[in-house]
Protein backbone atom coordinates (compact mmCIF):
# COMPACT_ATOMS: atom_id res chain seq x y z
CA MET A 1 -2.41 -25.52 -206.22
CA ASN A 2 0.55 -26.10 -203.94
CA ARG A 3 -1.61 -26.04 -200.82
CA SER A 4 -5.30 -26.23 -199.99
CA PRO A 5 -7.73 -23.68 -198.56
CA VAL A 6 -10.20 -26.38 -197.47
CA SER A 7 -9.23 -26.57 -193.80
CA PRO A 8 -9.06 -22.77 -193.23
CA LEU A 9 -12.41 -22.35 -195.03
CA ASN A 10 -14.12 -25.15 -193.08
CA ASN A 11 -12.84 -23.71 -189.79
CA ALA A 12 -14.17 -20.25 -190.68
CA LEU A 13 -17.54 -21.66 -191.80
CA PHE A 14 -17.89 -23.73 -188.65
CA ASP A 15 -17.00 -20.82 -186.35
CA ARG A 16 -19.34 -18.38 -188.13
CA LEU A 17 -22.30 -20.76 -188.20
CA LYS A 18 -21.77 -21.90 -184.61
CA SER A 19 -21.68 -18.29 -183.37
CA GLN A 20 -24.74 -17.09 -185.32
CA LEU A 21 -27.22 -19.95 -185.55
CA PRO A 22 -29.77 -20.85 -182.86
CA VAL A 23 -29.21 -24.59 -183.42
CA PRO A 24 -26.17 -26.84 -182.90
CA VAL A 25 -23.56 -26.97 -185.68
CA PHE A 26 -21.41 -30.06 -186.25
CA ASP A 27 -18.70 -31.25 -188.60
CA TYR A 28 -20.08 -34.78 -188.14
CA VAL A 29 -23.45 -36.10 -187.01
CA PRO A 30 -23.31 -37.43 -183.44
CA ALA A 31 -25.11 -40.73 -182.93
CA GLY A 32 -28.68 -40.22 -181.75
CA LYS A 33 -28.59 -36.43 -182.20
CA LYS A 34 -32.09 -34.98 -182.28
CA ALA A 35 -32.79 -32.37 -184.97
CA PRO A 36 -32.76 -29.50 -185.68
CA TYR A 37 -29.06 -29.09 -186.37
CA VAL A 38 -26.61 -28.09 -189.10
CA VAL A 39 -23.73 -30.22 -190.30
CA LEU A 40 -20.83 -29.33 -192.59
CA THR A 41 -20.58 -31.98 -195.30
CA GLU A 42 -18.64 -31.93 -198.59
CA THR A 43 -16.00 -29.39 -199.54
CA ALA A 44 -14.28 -29.42 -202.94
CA ALA A 45 -11.53 -27.10 -204.18
CA GLU A 46 -10.43 -26.56 -207.76
CA SER A 47 -7.27 -24.53 -208.29
CA TRP A 48 -6.82 -21.63 -210.68
CA ASN A 49 -3.83 -19.45 -211.54
CA THR A 50 -3.10 -16.25 -213.41
CA LYS A 51 0.29 -14.67 -214.01
CA THR A 52 0.05 -12.76 -210.73
CA LEU A 53 -2.46 -14.65 -208.55
CA SER A 54 -3.30 -18.17 -207.54
CA GLY A 55 -6.18 -19.55 -205.62
CA ALA A 56 -9.14 -21.88 -205.71
CA GLU A 57 -12.83 -22.07 -206.46
CA VAL A 58 -14.31 -23.90 -203.49
CA ARG A 59 -17.76 -25.37 -203.05
CA ALA A 60 -18.72 -26.04 -199.44
CA THR A 61 -21.96 -27.77 -198.51
CA ILE A 62 -24.00 -27.73 -195.33
CA LYS A 63 -27.03 -29.83 -194.47
CA VAL A 64 -29.84 -28.65 -192.24
CA LEU A 65 -31.97 -31.32 -190.59
CA SER A 66 -35.34 -30.69 -189.00
CA GLU A 67 -37.93 -33.06 -187.55
CA TYR A 68 -40.66 -30.45 -188.12
CA GLN A 69 -43.00 -31.87 -190.76
CA GLY A 70 -43.38 -28.63 -192.68
CA ASP A 71 -40.72 -26.56 -194.42
CA LYS A 72 -40.86 -23.57 -192.07
CA GLU A 73 -38.13 -24.55 -189.61
CA VAL A 74 -35.66 -25.87 -192.18
CA ALA A 75 -36.22 -22.80 -194.39
CA GLU A 76 -35.65 -20.39 -191.50
CA ILE A 77 -32.42 -22.13 -190.45
CA CYS A 78 -31.18 -22.11 -194.07
CA ASP A 79 -31.98 -18.40 -194.41
CA ARG A 80 -30.06 -17.65 -191.21
CA ALA A 81 -27.10 -19.78 -192.33
CA ILE A 82 -26.97 -18.04 -195.72
CA SER A 83 -27.19 -14.65 -194.06
CA ALA A 84 -24.45 -15.56 -191.56
CA ILE A 85 -22.05 -16.59 -194.33
CA ARG A 86 -22.90 -13.81 -196.79
CA SER A 87 -23.32 -10.86 -194.36
CA GLN A 88 -19.59 -10.23 -194.09
CA PRO A 89 -16.50 -11.86 -195.61
CA LEU A 90 -15.14 -14.91 -193.85
CA THR A 91 -11.71 -14.44 -192.30
CA LEU A 92 -9.40 -17.30 -193.23
CA THR A 93 -6.04 -18.24 -191.75
CA ASP A 94 -2.76 -19.26 -193.39
CA GLY A 95 -2.69 -16.54 -196.04
CA TRP A 96 -6.02 -17.33 -197.72
CA GLN A 97 -8.56 -14.63 -198.54
CA VAL A 98 -12.16 -14.98 -199.69
CA VAL A 99 -12.80 -12.49 -202.50
CA LEU A 100 -16.25 -13.68 -203.68
CA SER A 101 -18.98 -15.81 -202.15
CA SER A 102 -22.40 -16.87 -203.35
CA VAL A 103 -25.04 -19.53 -202.88
CA ASP A 104 -24.47 -22.11 -205.62
CA SER A 105 -27.55 -24.24 -204.86
CA HIS A 106 -30.24 -24.80 -202.23
CA THR A 107 -32.57 -27.79 -202.06
CA VAL A 108 -35.07 -29.22 -199.55
CA GLU A 109 -35.96 -32.91 -199.37
CA ARG A 110 -39.30 -33.81 -197.82
CA LEU A 111 -38.70 -37.19 -196.18
CA ASP A 112 -41.21 -39.25 -194.17
CA THR A 113 -39.79 -38.39 -190.75
CA HIS A 114 -37.93 -35.13 -191.33
CA ARG A 115 -36.84 -32.37 -193.69
CA GLU A 116 -33.30 -32.18 -195.00
CA ALA A 117 -32.01 -29.06 -196.73
CA THR A 118 -28.72 -28.77 -198.58
CA VAL A 119 -27.03 -25.44 -199.21
CA THR A 120 -23.90 -25.28 -201.33
CA PHE A 121 -21.80 -22.13 -201.16
CA LYS A 122 -19.28 -21.15 -203.81
CA PHE A 123 -16.17 -19.24 -202.78
CA THR A 124 -13.41 -17.67 -204.84
CA ILE A 125 -10.34 -17.68 -202.66
CA ILE A 126 -6.90 -16.22 -203.36
CA ASP A 127 -3.63 -17.38 -201.91
CA THR A 128 -1.86 -14.27 -200.61
CA GLU A 129 1.33 -16.27 -200.00
CA GLU A 130 1.67 -17.48 -203.61
CA GLY A 131 1.37 -15.74 -206.89
């Protein structure tokens, strides 16, 4: 991989989630922020190449935090986030193109004061400027 799709992918994820979710979306957690909210966390890219194409498999993780003591709110926000990302392909900049996307994993932690869900998406991205 001569260049990385991480920044274009994170920008597209952030923009899509921010425009379609009813809660705030952050790429960091502001001090004292009251839940519910969504935050983009880890992103990891692993390159791949064929004779004619190059690209990356990228896993991007979001966390959903809710102070509601049950699972209802966190589950609804996760469902909406998954739908927002999977409903139509993300448009990336800088010559990157998402060709496949899926939910790699989804977990909910039941903590004493809040619920914290983690959703990891898996993207297959091609580099239209290399090959």
